[in-house]
Protein backbone atom coordinates (compact mmCIF):
# COMPACT_ATOMS: atom_id res chain seq x y z
CA UNK A 1 -20.77 286.60 34.69
CA UNK A 2 -24.00 288.37 33.76
CA UNK A 3 -26.77 288.63 36.31
CA UNK A 4 -30.03 287.54 34.75
CA UNK A 5 -33.08 289.00 36.45
CA UNK A 6 -35.45 286.90 34.36
CA UNK A 7 -34.84 283.46 32.89
CA UNK A 8 -35.30 284.78 29.35
CA UNK A 9 -34.75 288.33 28.21
CA UNK A 10 -37.52 289.47 25.85
CA UNK A 11 -36.06 290.80 22.59
CA UNK A 12 -35.74 294.54 22.10
CA UNK A 13 -38.64 295.81 20.05
CA UNK A 14 -37.97 297.13 16.58
CA UNK A 15 -36.80 300.74 16.62
CA UNK A 16 -35.35 300.66 20.15
CA UNK A 17 -31.76 299.79 19.20
CA UNK A 18 -30.74 303.42 19.56
CA UNK A 19 -28.05 305.28 21.44
CA UNK A 20 -27.71 307.37 24.59
CA UNK A 21 -24.90 309.64 25.74
CA UNK A 22 -23.61 307.98 28.92
CA UNK A 23 -21.45 309.65 31.56
CA UNK A 24 -20.92 306.51 33.66
CA UNK A 25 -22.38 303.16 34.66
CA UNK A 26 -21.42 301.88 38.09
CA UNK A 27 -22.51 299.56 40.91
CA UNK A 28 -22.91 301.03 44.39
CA UNK A 29 -25.15 301.42 47.42
CA UNK A 30 -28.24 303.52 46.80
CA UNK A 31 -27.69 306.62 48.87
CA UNK A 32 -31.01 308.42 48.59
CA UNK A 33 -34.77 307.84 48.25
CA UNK A 34 -36.78 305.16 50.07
CA UNK A 35 -34.46 302.63 48.41
CA UNK A 36 -31.49 303.97 50.37
CA UNK A 37 -29.11 301.25 51.53
CA UNK A 38 -29.86 298.80 48.73
CA UNK A 39 -27.30 297.72 46.11
CA UNK A 40 -28.06 299.48 42.83
CA UNK A 41 -26.64 299.86 39.32
CA UNK A 42 -26.52 303.50 38.24
CA UNK A 43 -26.78 304.59 34.62
CA UNK A 44 -25.83 308.27 34.49
CA UNK A 45 -26.58 310.22 31.32
CA UNK A 46 -24.73 313.37 30.27
CA UNK A 47 -26.28 316.80 29.84
CA UNK A 48 -28.66 318.89 31.93
CA UNK A 49 -30.97 321.81 31.24
CA UNK A 50 -30.43 323.26 34.75
CA UNK A 51 -27.40 324.60 36.60
CA UNK A 52 -28.05 324.19 40.33
CA UNK A 53 -25.71 326.03 42.66
CA UNK A 54 -25.02 322.92 44.75
CA UNK A 55 -24.77 320.36 41.91
CA UNK A 56 -22.37 317.55 42.85
CA UNK A 57 -22.30 315.87 39.43
CA UNK A 58 -21.19 318.75 37.20
CA UNK A 59 -18.89 316.34 35.40
CA UNK A 60 -22.01 314.85 33.83
CA UNK A 61 -22.57 318.12 31.98
CA UNK A 62 -19.02 319.43 31.63
CA UNK A 63 -17.28 316.26 30.43
CA UNK A 64 -18.11 314.45 27.18
CA UNK A 65 -19.92 311.19 27.58
CA UNK A 66 -19.75 307.94 25.65
CA UNK A 67 -22.33 307.16 22.98
CA UNK A 68 -23.72 303.70 23.75
CA UNK A 69 -26.47 301.62 22.20
CA UNK A 70 -29.30 300.50 24.42
CA UNK A 71 -28.12 296.91 23.96
CA UNK A 72 -24.61 297.83 25.15
CA UNK A 73 -26.08 299.57 28.19
CA UNK A 74 -28.23 296.55 29.01
CA UNK A 75 -25.21 294.26 28.67
CA UNK A 76 -23.18 296.47 31.04
CA UNK A 77 -26.01 296.60 33.58
CA UNK A 78 -26.47 292.83 33.33
CA UNK A 79 -22.84 292.26 34.29
CA UNK A 80 -23.58 293.34 37.87
CA UNK A 81 -25.26 291.05 40.46
CA UNK A 82 -28.18 293.37 41.10
CA UNK A 83 -31.88 293.72 40.23
CA UNK A 84 -32.12 297.46 41.05
CA UNK A 85 -31.23 300.09 38.44
CA UNK A 86 -31.37 303.86 38.68
CA UNK A 87 -31.37 306.03 35.55
CA UNK A 88 -30.02 309.45 36.47
CA UNK A 89 -27.99 312.38 35.13
CA UNK A 90 -27.57 315.17 34.34
CA UNK A 91 -31.19 315.14 33.29
CA UNK A 92 -32.08 311.79 31.71
CA UNK A 93 -35.41 312.93 30.24
CA UNK A 94 -33.63 315.27 27.85
CA UNK A 95 -33.04 312.24 25.63
CA UNK A 96 -36.00 310.50 24.00
CA UNK A 97 -34.21 307.17 24.03
CA UNK A 98 -34.12 307.19 27.83
CA UNK A 99 -37.78 306.15 27.66
CA UNK A 100 -36.81 303.17 25.49
CA UNK A 101 -34.01 302.20 27.88
CA UNK A 102 -36.35 302.22 30.87
CA UNK A 103 -38.92 300.17 28.95
CA UNK A 104 -36.24 297.59 28.16
CA UNK A 105 -35.07 297.46 31.79
CA UNK A 106 -38.63 296.97 33.03
CA UNK A 107 -39.19 294.20 30.47
CA UNK A 108 -36.15 292.40 31.86
CA UNK A 109 -37.56 292.39 35.37
CA UNK A 110 -35.46 295.12 36.98
CA UNK A 111 -36.74 297.46 39.66
CA UNK A 112 -36.14 300.74 37.84
CA UNK A 113 -35.73 304.14 39.48
CA UNK A 114 -35.64 307.41 37.56
CA UNK A 115 -34.02 310.50 39.07
CA UNK A 116 -35.29 313.62 37.28
CA UNK A 117 -35.05 317.33 38.04
CA UNK A 118 -38.80 317.99 37.72
CA UNK A 119 -38.60 320.31 34.73
CA UNK A 120 -39.70 317.68 32.19
CA UNK A 121 -43.07 316.03 31.61
CA UNK A 122 -43.03 312.66 33.42
CA UNK A 123 -46.23 311.31 31.86
CA UNK A 124 -44.50 309.20 29.19
CA UNK A 125 -42.31 307.31 31.65
CA UNK A 126 -43.14 303.61 31.93
CA UNK A 127 -45.75 303.28 34.73
CA UNK A 128 -43.68 300.56 36.42
CA UNK A 129 -40.74 302.96 36.92
CA UNK A 130 -40.29 304.57 40.35
CA UNK A 131 -40.02 308.28 39.58
CA UNK A 132 -37.90 310.37 41.98
CA UNK A 133 -38.64 313.99 41.13
CA UNK A 134 -36.89 317.11 42.38
CA UNK A 135 -38.68 320.31 43.28
CA UNK A 136 -35.92 322.90 43.25
CA UNK A 137 -35.83 325.37 46.14
CA UNK A 138 -34.60 329.02 45.93
CA UNK A 139 -31.08 328.10 47.09
CA UNK A 140 -30.61 326.04 43.94
CA UNK A 141 -31.00 329.09 41.72
CA UNK A 142 -33.52 327.06 39.67
CA UNK A 143 -36.70 327.33 41.73
CA UNK A 144 -38.76 328.40 38.71
CA UNK A 145 -37.93 325.20 36.79
CA UNK A 146 -40.56 322.77 38.10
CA UNK A 147 -43.23 321.68 35.63
CA UNK A 148 -46.29 322.16 37.85
CA UNK A 149 -48.23 319.91 35.48
CA UNK A 150 -46.27 317.04 37.02
CA UNK A 151 -48.28 317.40 40.23
CA UNK A 152 -51.36 316.00 38.48
CA UNK A 153 -49.19 313.21 37.01
CA UNK A 154 -47.96 311.94 40.38
CA UNK A 155 -48.65 308.41 41.62
CA UNK A 156 -48.39 306.98 45.12
CA UNK A 157 -45.20 305.15 44.12
CA UNK A 158 -43.49 308.40 43.10
CA UNK A 159 -41.09 310.26 45.37
CA UNK A 160 -40.69 314.04 45.51
CA UNK A 161 -37.37 315.41 46.73
CA UNK A 162 -36.49 318.80 48.21
CA UNK A 163 -32.81 319.68 48.70
CA UNK A 164 -32.36 322.54 51.17
CA UNK A 165 -29.52 324.99 51.72
CA UNK A 166 -31.23 327.42 54.13
CA UNK A 167 -34.22 328.01 56.38
CA UNK A 168 -35.72 329.93 53.46
CA UNK A 169 -35.56 326.74 51.40
CA UNK A 170 -37.26 324.79 54.18
CA UNK A 171 -40.09 327.33 54.41
CA UNK A 172 -40.45 327.19 50.62
CA UNK A 173 -40.66 323.39 50.65
CA UNK A 174 -43.23 323.47 53.46
CA UNK A 175 -45.32 325.98 51.49
CA UNK A 176 -45.25 323.88 48.30
CA UNK A 177 -46.11 320.70 50.21
CA UNK A 178 -49.17 322.38 51.70
CA UNK A 179 -50.23 324.24 48.56
CA UNK A 180 -50.37 321.08 46.43
CA UNK A 181 -51.35 318.66 49.22
CA UNK A 182 -48.26 316.64 48.33
CA UNK A 183 -48.26 314.51 51.48
CA UNK A 184 -51.41 312.82 50.17
CA UNK A 185 -50.09 312.34 46.64
CA UNK A 186 -46.74 310.57 46.99
CA UNK A 187 -43.71 310.00 49.21
CA UNK A 188 -41.81 313.13 50.26
CA UNK A 189 -38.05 313.34 50.79
CA UNK A 190 -36.14 316.22 52.31
CA UNK A 191 -32.38 316.62 52.64
CA UNK A 192 -29.77 319.30 53.18
CA UNK A 193 -26.81 320.55 51.19
CA UNK A 194 -23.53 319.52 52.85
CA UNK A 195 -22.09 322.29 55.06
CA UNK A 196 -25.18 324.49 54.56
CA UNK A 197 -27.58 323.00 57.13
CA UNK A 198 -26.82 320.31 59.66
CA UNK A 199 -29.00 317.17 59.64
CA UNK A 200 -29.75 317.87 63.29
CA UNK A 201 -31.03 321.35 62.50
CA UNK A 202 -33.16 320.11 59.61
CA UNK A 203 -34.59 317.30 61.74
CA UNK A 204 -35.46 319.82 64.43
CA UNK A 205 -37.49 321.91 61.97
CA UNK A 206 -39.33 318.83 60.68
CA UNK A 207 -40.16 317.61 64.17
CA UNK A 208 -41.24 321.07 65.34
CA UNK A 209 -43.67 321.40 62.44
CA UNK A 210 -44.76 317.76 62.39
CA UNK A 211 -43.97 317.74 58.67
CA UNK A 212 -44.89 314.43 57.00
CA UNK A 213 -41.59 313.89 55.16
CA UNK A 214 -38.66 311.50 55.21
CA UNK A 215 -35.41 313.21 56.25
CA UNK A 216 -32.58 311.66 54.26
CA UNK A 217 -28.82 311.89 54.15
CA UNK A 218 -26.59 311.01 51.21
CA UNK A 219 -25.71 307.56 52.50
CA UNK A 220 -23.30 306.79 49.65
CA UNK A 221 -21.15 309.78 50.63
CA UNK A 222 -21.17 308.74 54.29
CA UNK A 223 -19.95 305.29 53.26
CA UNK A 224 -17.51 306.08 50.44
CA UNK A 225 -16.81 309.81 50.68
CA UNK A 226 -17.52 312.57 48.18
CA UNK A 227 -16.00 310.89 45.13
CA UNK A 228 -17.11 310.08 41.59
CA UNK A 229 -18.59 306.71 40.70
CA UNK A 230 -20.25 305.76 43.99
């Protein structure tokens, strides 16, 4: 049975019946962001322009995906009893049609989250989409990838994420937060790479500095384990 968020779906606009390369679509508990703990449908695209040292979804770049029309994606999403959808990757903004998909999801009444690695211009994303944007730290090996123009494009509803694998990463994140006055621009998330820093250690640093961030764990992994499709 399909889950209808609105009573009537508006028709797709002409020119939007295009395709995306999909790694997987699944229904799980949102494990990160301020939406952590909520049921969510995940649409994961294939392909990424970065190669982070700690990446836990390398299959999205190393394995071939499935070419799907936007209509087919919407039908698959609609089969789950959920009004929250996250578009993720890989890097979803590598494909132009991702913008069309998010527009269609918004038109259907979904709460739409976008997880993006921060290297792509976010200005064309539908303004109703919650943008969750990475700023890569040195431990990722991709700390020069952030499009600094995105700072001026931030809205209060956006969420910036720092993933840390060392004290050096923490100091880097703290420096960037201060340099761009990020605490007054949007929500800030900070988390640690598994087995690199303990949550207790990270929390201690945050409390010691009075850093205005949300410490987060990967809740989906705590619940289901480190497996694909959750």
